[in-house]
Amino acid sequence: MKHKILNLALILTSLIGYLEWGGGNSMYLFQGELDIVRRLFTDPGSAIHPFTVLPLLGQLLLLIALFQKKPSWILTFTGIGLIGILLFFILFIGLLGLNFRILLSSLPFAVVAVWAVVLYRREKRRK
């Protein structure tokens, strides 16, 4: 059960990442993902980019693992890696720019991801 809760927490914390860019523009990742999904059906060429497709694929893998009887650690680790590409980059940007909104929005995913890895490794050692 705790693996399912971790996978759900990973999905939810990946959605609260916060982005800011020039001209006073800002967006949470869930808003950006909705825009990307809409564009995939209307203009796929403008939506396909590694920083958009890989995290979406990671969330899909975590969602699949969430509905498995015993969540696969391979799906979980792969999902963490694919989402982590974007969110750890956002965390790095928040650190470089000392932007606390960006930094604090990406920290929950980092904490849950590290917690999930530690938990899975601890359980694997026990077996």
C-alpha atoms as a PDB file:
ATOM      1  CA  MET A   1       0.000   0.000   0.000  1.00  0.00           C
ATOM      2  CA  LYS A   2       2.809   2.430   0.814  1.00  0.00           C
ATOM      3  CA  HIS A   3       4.209   2.002  -2.715  1.00  0.00           C
ATOM      4  CA  LYS A   4       0.899   3.102  -4.184  1.00  0.00           C
ATOM      5  CA  ILE A   5       0.803   6.112  -1.878  1.00  0.00           C
ATOM      6  CA  LEU A   6       4.366   6.984  -2.906  1.00  0.00           C
ATOM      7  CA  ASN A   7       3.495   6.719  -6.605  1.00  0.00           C
ATOM      8  CA  LEU A   8       0.446   8.933  -6.086  1.00  0.00           C
ATOM      9  CA  ALA A   9       2.569  11.422  -4.121  1.00  0.00           C
ATOM     10  CA  LEU A  10       5.147  11.451  -6.925  1.00  0.00           C
ATOM     11  CA  ILE A  11       2.458  12.209  -9.503  1.00  0.00           C
ATOM     12  CA  LEU A  12       0.852  14.953  -7.412  1.00  0.00           C
ATOM     13  CA  THR A  13       4.125  16.634  -6.438  1.00  0.00           C
ATOM     14  CA  SER A  14       5.233  16.619 -10.074  1.00  0.00           C
ATOM     15  CA  LEU A  15       2.217  18.754 -10.951  1.00  0.00           C
ATOM     16  CA  ILE A  16       2.997  21.636  -8.582  1.00  0.00           C
ATOM     17  CA  GLY A  17       6.285  22.679 -10.161  1.00  0.00           C
ATOM     18  CA  TYR A  18       6.303  26.421 -10.794  1.00  0.00           C
ATOM     19  CA  LEU A  19       7.917  28.199 -13.737  1.00  0.00           C
ATOM     20  CA  GLU A  20       8.640  31.878 -14.357  1.00  0.00           C
ATOM     21  CA  TRP A  21      10.088  33.497 -17.449  1.00  0.00           C
ATOM     22  CA  GLY A  22      10.528  36.967 -18.916  1.00  0.00           C
ATOM     23  CA  GLY A  23       7.747  39.492 -19.212  1.00  0.00           C
ATOM     24  CA  GLY A  24       6.070  38.534 -15.949  1.00  0.00           C
ATOM     25  CA  ASN A  25       4.942  35.148 -17.259  1.00  0.00           C
ATOM     26  CA  SER A  26       4.491  32.226 -14.890  1.00  0.00           C
ATOM     27  CA  MET A  27       2.778  28.860 -14.853  1.00  0.00           C
ATOM     28  CA  TYR A  28       2.395  25.747 -12.731  1.00  0.00           C
ATOM     29  CA  LEU A  29       3.303  22.473 -14.429  1.00  0.00           C
ATOM     30  CA  PHE A  30      -0.274  21.178 -14.320  1.00  0.00           C
ATOM     31  CA  GLN A  31      -1.330  24.231 -16.348  1.00  0.00           C
ATOM     32  CA  GLY A  32       1.446  23.632 -18.844  1.00  0.00           C
ATOM     33  CA  GLU A  33       0.568  19.961 -19.136  1.00  0.00           C
ATOM     34  CA  LEU A  34      -3.056  20.752 -19.916  1.00  0.00           C
ATOM     35  CA  ASP A  35      -1.872  23.122 -22.633  1.00  0.00           C
ATOM     36  CA  ILE A  36       0.497  20.482 -24.035  1.00  0.00           C
ATOM     37  CA  VAL A  37      -2.196  17.794 -24.107  1.00  0.00           C
ATOM     38  CA  ARG A  38      -4.536  20.178 -25.942  1.00  0.00           C
ATOM     39  CA  ARG A  39      -1.808  21.026 -28.452  1.00  0.00           C
ATOM     40  CA  LEU A  40      -1.028  17.355 -29.060  1.00  0.00           C
ATOM     41  CA  PHE A  41      -4.434  17.046 -30.713  1.00  0.00           C
ATOM     42  CA  THR A  42      -4.421  20.351 -32.607  1.00  0.00           C
ATOM     43  CA  ASP A  43      -0.749  21.045 -33.423  1.00  0.00           C
ATOM     44  CA  PRO A  44       1.447  18.080 -32.400  1.00  0.00           C
ATOM     45  CA  GLY A  45       4.628  19.603 -33.814  1.00  0.00           C
ATOM     46  CA  SER A  46       4.525  22.497 -31.360  1.00  0.00           C
ATOM     47  CA  ALA A  47       3.970  20.235 -28.342  1.00  0.00           C
ATOM     48  CA  ILE A  48       6.645  17.613 -28.923  1.00  0.00           C
ATOM     49  CA  HIS A  49       9.849  18.436 -27.074  1.00  0.00           C
ATOM     50  CA  PRO A  50      11.929  16.280 -24.697  1.00  0.00           C
ATOM     51  CA  PHE A  51      11.137  18.548 -21.738  1.00  0.00           C
ATOM     52  CA  THR A  52       7.417  18.055 -22.372  1.00  0.00           C
ATOM     53  CA  VAL A  53       7.136  14.473 -23.591  1.00  0.00           C
ATOM     54  CA  LEU A  54       9.510  12.786 -21.112  1.00  0.00           C
ATOM     55  CA  PRO A  55       7.833  14.069 -17.916  1.00  0.00           C
ATOM     56  CA  LEU A  56       4.395  13.186 -19.328  1.00  0.00           C
ATOM     57  CA  LEU A  57       5.666   9.693 -20.087  1.00  0.00           C
ATOM     58  CA  GLY A  58       7.065   9.481 -16.549  1.00  0.00           C
ATOM     59  CA  GLN A  59       3.693  10.416 -15.084  1.00  0.00           C
ATOM     60  CA  LEU A  60       2.011   7.830 -17.283  1.00  0.00           C
ATOM     61  CA  LEU A  61       4.415   5.141 -16.026  1.00  0.00           C
ATOM     62  CA  LEU A  62       3.731   6.121 -12.412  1.00  0.00           C
ATOM     63  CA  LEU A  63       0.001   6.013 -13.126  1.00  0.00           C
ATOM     64  CA  ILE A  64       0.335   2.510 -14.568  1.00  0.00           C
ATOM     65  CA  ALA A  65       2.354   1.432 -11.517  1.00  0.00           C
ATOM     66  CA  LEU A  66      -0.297   2.969  -9.279  1.00  0.00           C
ATOM     67  CA  PHE A  67      -2.936   0.589 -10.620  1.00  0.00           C
ATOM     68  CA  GLN A  68      -0.799  -2.534 -10.449  1.00  0.00           C
ATOM     69  CA  LYS A  69      -1.460  -5.009  -7.660  1.00  0.00           C
ATOM     70  CA  LYS A  70       2.180  -4.719  -6.578  1.00  0.00           C
ATOM     71  CA  PRO A  71       3.683  -1.554  -8.097  1.00  0.00           C
ATOM     72  CA  SER A  72       6.729  -2.280 -10.225  1.00  0.00           C
ATOM     73  CA  TRP A  73       9.911  -0.700  -8.919  1.00  0.00           C
ATOM     74  CA  ILE A  74      11.188  -0.508 -12.509  1.00  0.00           C
ATOM     75  CA  LEU A  75       8.189   1.603 -13.561  1.00  0.00           C
ATOM     76  CA  THR A  76       8.534   3.739 -10.437  1.00  0.00           C
ATOM     77  CA  PHE A  77      12.266   4.378 -10.895  1.00  0.00           C
ATOM     78  CA  THR A  78      11.844   5.060 -14.617  1.00  0.00           C
ATOM     79  CA  GLY A  79       8.962   7.453 -13.881  1.00  0.00           C
ATOM     80  CA  ILE A  80      11.044   9.248 -11.256  1.00  0.00           C
ATOM     81  CA  GLY A  81      13.899   9.568 -13.724  1.00  0.00           C
ATOM     82  CA  LEU A  82      11.753  10.906 -16.560  1.00  0.00           C
ATOM     83  CA  ILE A  83       9.935  13.428 -14.376  1.00  0.00           C
ATOM     84  CA  GLY A  84      13.125  14.210 -12.490  1.00  0.00           C
ATOM     85  CA  ILE A  85      14.821  15.428 -15.674  1.00  0.00           C
ATOM     86  CA  LEU A  86      12.494  18.427 -15.673  1.00  0.00           C
ATOM     87  CA  LEU A  87      11.907  18.936 -11.957  1.00  0.00           C
ATOM     88  CA  PHE A  88      15.547  18.675 -10.895  1.00  0.00           C
ATOM     89  CA  PHE A  89      16.364  21.140 -13.677  1.00  0.00           C
ATOM     90  CA  ILE A  90      13.698  23.468 -12.247  1.00  0.00           C
ATOM     91  CA  LEU A  91      15.186  22.945  -8.769  1.00  0.00           C
ATOM     92  CA  PHE A  92      18.622  23.849 -10.143  1.00  0.00           C
ATOM     93  CA  ILE A  93      17.217  27.003 -11.773  1.00  0.00           C
ATOM     94  CA  GLY A  94      15.560  27.968  -8.494  1.00  0.00           C
ATOM     95  CA  LEU A  95      18.885  27.555  -6.686  1.00  0.00           C
ATOM     96  CA  LEU A  96      20.854  29.524  -9.275  1.00  0.00           C
ATOM     97  CA  GLY A  97      18.384  32.387  -9.404  1.00  0.00           C
ATOM     98  CA  LEU A  98      17.582  32.233  -5.686  1.00  0.00           C
ATOM     99  CA  ASN A  99      13.921  32.166  -6.660  1.00  0.00           C
ATOM    100  CA  PHE A 100      12.218  30.660  -3.638  1.00  0.00           C
ATOM    101  CA  ARG A 101       8.864  30.079  -5.353  1.00  0.00           C
ATOM    102  CA  ILE A 102      10.518  27.933  -7.997  1.00  0.00           C
ATOM    103  CA  LEU A 103      12.771  26.266  -5.446  1.00  0.00           C
ATOM    104  CA  LEU A 104       9.972  25.440  -3.007  1.00  0.00           C
ATOM    105  CA  SER A 105       7.676  24.170  -5.757  1.00  0.00           C
ATOM    106  CA  SER A 106      10.176  21.538  -6.893  1.00  0.00           C
ATOM    107  CA  LEU A 107      11.381  20.425  -3.458  1.00  0.00           C
ATOM    108  CA  PRO A 108       8.351  18.223  -2.631  1.00  0.00           C
ATOM    109  CA  PHE A 109       8.999  16.032  -5.674  1.00  0.00           C
ATOM    110  CA  ALA A 110      12.700  15.775  -4.817  1.00  0.00           C
ATOM    111  CA  VAL A 111      11.934  14.753  -1.231  1.00  0.00           C
ATOM    112  CA  VAL A 112       9.325  12.150  -2.224  1.00  0.00           C
ATOM    113  CA  ALA A 113      11.579  10.794  -4.999  1.00  0.00           C
ATOM    114  CA  VAL A 114      14.511  10.321  -2.608  1.00  0.00           C
ATOM    115  CA  TRP A 115      12.162   8.786  -0.042  1.00  0.00           C
ATOM    116  CA  ALA A 116      10.814   6.335  -2.654  1.00  0.00           C
ATOM    117  CA  VAL A 117      14.304   5.285  -3.753  1.00  0.00           C
ATOM    118  CA  VAL A 118      15.425   4.752  -0.149  1.00  0.00           C
ATOM    119  CA  LEU A 119      12.287   2.753   0.653  1.00  0.00           C
ATOM    120  CA  TYR A 120      12.575   0.509  -2.410  1.00  0.00           C
ATOM    121  CA  ARG A 121      16.281  -0.132  -1.786  1.00  0.00           C
ATOM    122  CA  ARG A 122      15.687  -0.895   1.883  1.00  0.00           C
ATOM    123  CA  GLU A 123      12.999  -3.416   0.973  1.00  0.00           C
ATOM    124  CA  LYS A 124      15.171  -4.976  -1.709  1.00  0.00           C
ATOM    125  CA  ARG A 125      17.994  -5.525   0.818  1.00  0.00           C
ATOM    126  CA  ARG A 126      15.614  -7.282   3.208  1.00  0.00           C
ATOM    127  CA  LYS A 127      14.693  -9.882   0.586  1.00  0.00           C
END
